[in-house]
N, C-alpha and C. Protein backbone atom coordinates (compact mmCIF):
# COMPACT_ATOMS: atom_id res chain seq x y z
N UNK A 1 -37.38 -20.85 -23.19
CA UNK A 1 -36.01 -21.35 -23.25
C UNK A 1 -35.05 -20.17 -23.40
N UNK A 2 -33.99 -20.18 -22.66
CA UNK A 2 -33.02 -19.10 -22.66
C UNK A 2 -31.98 -19.35 -23.75
N UNK A 3 -31.77 -18.36 -24.62
CA UNK A 3 -30.80 -18.51 -25.71
C UNK A 3 -29.39 -18.12 -25.30
N UNK A 4 -29.22 -17.68 -24.06
CA UNK A 4 -27.89 -17.29 -23.59
C UNK A 4 -27.02 -18.53 -23.42
N UNK A 5 -25.88 -18.52 -24.08
CA UNK A 5 -24.96 -19.66 -23.96
C UNK A 5 -24.08 -19.45 -22.74
N UNK A 6 -23.90 -20.50 -21.99
CA UNK A 6 -23.01 -20.45 -20.83
C UNK A 6 -21.63 -20.89 -21.26
N UNK A 7 -20.67 -20.12 -20.86
CA UNK A 7 -19.28 -20.46 -21.12
C UNK A 7 -18.82 -21.44 -20.05
N UNK A 8 -17.96 -22.39 -20.42
CA UNK A 8 -17.40 -23.28 -19.39
C UNK A 8 -16.65 -22.49 -18.32
N UNK A 9 -16.22 -21.29 -18.67
CA UNK A 9 -15.51 -20.45 -17.71
C UNK A 9 -16.42 -20.00 -16.57
N UNK A 10 -17.72 -19.93 -16.82
CA UNK A 10 -18.66 -19.52 -15.77
C UNK A 10 -18.58 -20.44 -14.56
N UNK A 11 -18.34 -21.70 -14.79
CA UNK A 11 -18.29 -22.68 -13.71
C UNK A 11 -16.87 -23.03 -13.27
N UNK A 12 -15.90 -22.35 -13.84
CA UNK A 12 -14.49 -22.64 -13.55
C UNK A 12 -14.12 -22.10 -12.17
N UNK A 13 -13.12 -22.71 -11.55
CA UNK A 13 -12.63 -22.21 -10.27
C UNK A 13 -12.08 -20.79 -10.42
N UNK A 14 -12.03 -20.07 -9.31
CA UNK A 14 -11.59 -18.67 -9.32
C UNK A 14 -10.20 -18.50 -9.91
N UNK A 15 -9.29 -19.46 -9.61
CA UNK A 15 -7.92 -19.31 -10.12
C UNK A 15 -7.85 -19.43 -11.65
N UNK A 16 -8.75 -20.21 -12.23
CA UNK A 16 -8.80 -20.33 -13.70
C UNK A 16 -9.32 -19.02 -14.30
N UNK A 17 -10.37 -18.48 -13.70
CA UNK A 17 -10.92 -17.21 -14.18
C UNK A 17 -9.87 -16.10 -14.11
N UNK A 18 -9.15 -16.05 -12.99
CA UNK A 18 -8.10 -15.04 -12.84
C UNK A 18 -6.99 -15.24 -13.87
N UNK A 19 -6.59 -16.48 -14.08
CA UNK A 19 -5.54 -16.78 -15.06
C UNK A 19 -5.96 -16.34 -16.46
N UNK A 20 -7.19 -16.62 -16.83
CA UNK A 20 -7.68 -16.22 -18.15
C UNK A 20 -7.69 -14.70 -18.27
N UNK A 21 -8.15 -14.02 -17.22
CA UNK A 21 -8.14 -12.55 -17.25
C UNK A 21 -6.73 -12.00 -17.40
N UNK A 22 -5.79 -12.57 -16.66
CA UNK A 22 -4.40 -12.11 -16.74
C UNK A 22 -3.81 -12.36 -18.12
N UNK A 23 -4.07 -13.53 -18.67
CA UNK A 23 -3.58 -13.87 -20.01
C UNK A 23 -4.12 -12.87 -21.03
N UNK A 24 -5.41 -12.59 -20.97
CA UNK A 24 -6.00 -11.63 -21.90
C UNK A 24 -5.37 -10.25 -21.75
N UNK A 25 -5.21 -9.82 -20.50
CA UNK A 25 -4.60 -8.51 -20.24
C UNK A 25 -3.19 -8.44 -20.82
N UNK A 26 -2.41 -9.46 -20.57
CA UNK A 26 -1.03 -9.46 -21.05
C UNK A 26 -0.94 -9.55 -22.57
N UNK A 27 -1.76 -10.40 -23.15
CA UNK A 27 -1.73 -10.55 -24.61
C UNK A 27 -2.23 -9.30 -25.32
N UNK A 28 -3.23 -8.64 -24.75
CA UNK A 28 -3.78 -7.44 -25.38
C UNK A 28 -2.83 -6.26 -25.35
N UNK A 29 -1.83 -6.30 -24.49
CA UNK A 29 -0.88 -5.21 -24.39
C UNK A 29 0.40 -5.46 -25.18
N UNK A 30 0.44 -6.55 -25.93
CA UNK A 30 1.57 -6.85 -26.81
C UNK A 30 2.93 -6.69 -26.12
N UNK A 31 3.05 -7.27 -24.96
CA UNK A 31 4.29 -7.18 -24.21
C UNK A 31 5.26 -8.27 -24.63
N UNK A 32 6.53 -7.98 -24.47
CA UNK A 32 7.56 -8.96 -24.75
C UNK A 32 7.37 -10.18 -23.84
N UNK A 33 7.33 -11.39 -24.39
CA UNK A 33 7.09 -12.57 -23.57
C UNK A 33 8.08 -12.73 -22.41
N UNK A 34 9.34 -12.42 -22.63
CA UNK A 34 10.31 -12.57 -21.54
C UNK A 34 10.05 -11.56 -20.43
N UNK A 35 9.62 -10.38 -20.80
CA UNK A 35 9.26 -9.36 -19.80
C UNK A 35 8.09 -9.84 -18.96
N UNK A 36 7.09 -10.41 -19.62
CA UNK A 36 5.91 -10.93 -18.92
C UNK A 36 6.32 -12.03 -17.95
N UNK A 37 7.13 -12.98 -18.42
CA UNK A 37 7.53 -14.09 -17.56
C UNK A 37 8.36 -13.61 -16.37
N UNK A 38 9.22 -12.65 -16.59
CA UNK A 38 10.02 -12.10 -15.49
C UNK A 38 9.12 -11.39 -14.48
N UNK A 39 8.17 -10.63 -14.98
CA UNK A 39 7.25 -9.93 -14.09
C UNK A 39 6.40 -10.92 -13.29
N UNK A 40 5.95 -11.98 -13.93
CA UNK A 40 5.16 -12.99 -13.22
C UNK A 40 5.97 -13.67 -12.13
N UNK A 41 7.26 -13.90 -12.37
CA UNK A 41 8.13 -14.46 -11.33
C UNK A 41 8.20 -13.53 -10.13
N UNK A 42 8.33 -12.24 -10.40
CA UNK A 42 8.39 -11.26 -9.32
C UNK A 42 7.08 -11.25 -8.53
N UNK A 43 5.97 -11.25 -9.24
CA UNK A 43 4.66 -11.25 -8.59
C UNK A 43 4.49 -12.50 -7.73
N UNK A 44 4.88 -13.65 -8.25
CA UNK A 44 4.74 -14.90 -7.50
C UNK A 44 5.57 -14.86 -6.22
N UNK A 45 6.82 -14.43 -6.33
CA UNK A 45 7.68 -14.35 -5.14
C UNK A 45 7.09 -13.39 -4.11
N UNK A 46 6.59 -12.26 -4.57
CA UNK A 46 6.00 -11.28 -3.67
C UNK A 46 4.79 -11.85 -2.95
N UNK A 47 3.90 -12.50 -3.69
CA UNK A 47 2.72 -13.08 -3.07
C UNK A 47 3.08 -14.20 -2.10
N UNK A 48 4.07 -15.01 -2.46
CA UNK A 48 4.48 -16.09 -1.57
C UNK A 48 5.07 -15.53 -0.27
N UNK A 49 5.88 -14.49 -0.35
CA UNK A 49 6.45 -13.86 0.86
C UNK A 49 5.35 -13.31 1.75
N UNK A 50 4.40 -12.61 1.15
CA UNK A 50 3.30 -12.04 1.92
C UNK A 50 2.44 -13.12 2.55
N UNK A 51 2.20 -14.20 1.83
CA UNK A 51 1.41 -15.30 2.36
C UNK A 51 2.13 -15.97 3.53
N UNK A 52 3.44 -16.16 3.40
CA UNK A 52 4.22 -16.75 4.48
C UNK A 52 4.20 -15.85 5.71
N UNK A 53 4.34 -14.55 5.51
CA UNK A 53 4.33 -13.60 6.62
C UNK A 53 2.97 -13.63 7.32
N UNK A 54 1.90 -13.70 6.56
CA UNK A 54 0.56 -13.76 7.15
C UNK A 54 0.37 -15.06 7.93
N UNK A 55 0.89 -16.16 7.39
CA UNK A 55 0.78 -17.44 8.08
C UNK A 55 1.52 -17.42 9.41
N UNK A 56 2.69 -16.81 9.44
CA UNK A 56 3.47 -16.72 10.66
C UNK A 56 2.75 -15.82 11.68
N UNK A 57 2.21 -14.70 11.22
CA UNK A 57 1.48 -13.80 12.11
C UNK A 57 0.25 -14.47 12.67
N UNK A 58 -0.42 -15.27 11.87
CA UNK A 58 -1.62 -15.97 12.33
C UNK A 58 -1.27 -17.00 13.40
N UNK A 59 -0.15 -17.70 13.23
CA UNK A 59 0.27 -18.70 14.21
C UNK A 59 0.71 -18.05 15.53
N UNK A 60 1.27 -16.85 15.45
CA UNK A 60 1.70 -16.15 16.65
C UNK A 60 0.51 -15.66 17.46
N UNK A 61 -0.56 -15.24 16.75
CA UNK A 61 -1.71 -14.64 17.39
C UNK A 61 -2.53 -15.64 18.09
């Protein structure tokens, strides 16, 4: 019998795992919450623009 405990995170979707990693990273660096939220807004907008551009390029090709 294996004594290794499995975390529910092991079976979680990739986006949950990434979110947990990001939360840990941000919390461990003791950043101002408003700074974190502003930075996350910027990251989201950037990723959305890049995703839209890729979608348009894919449709053109």
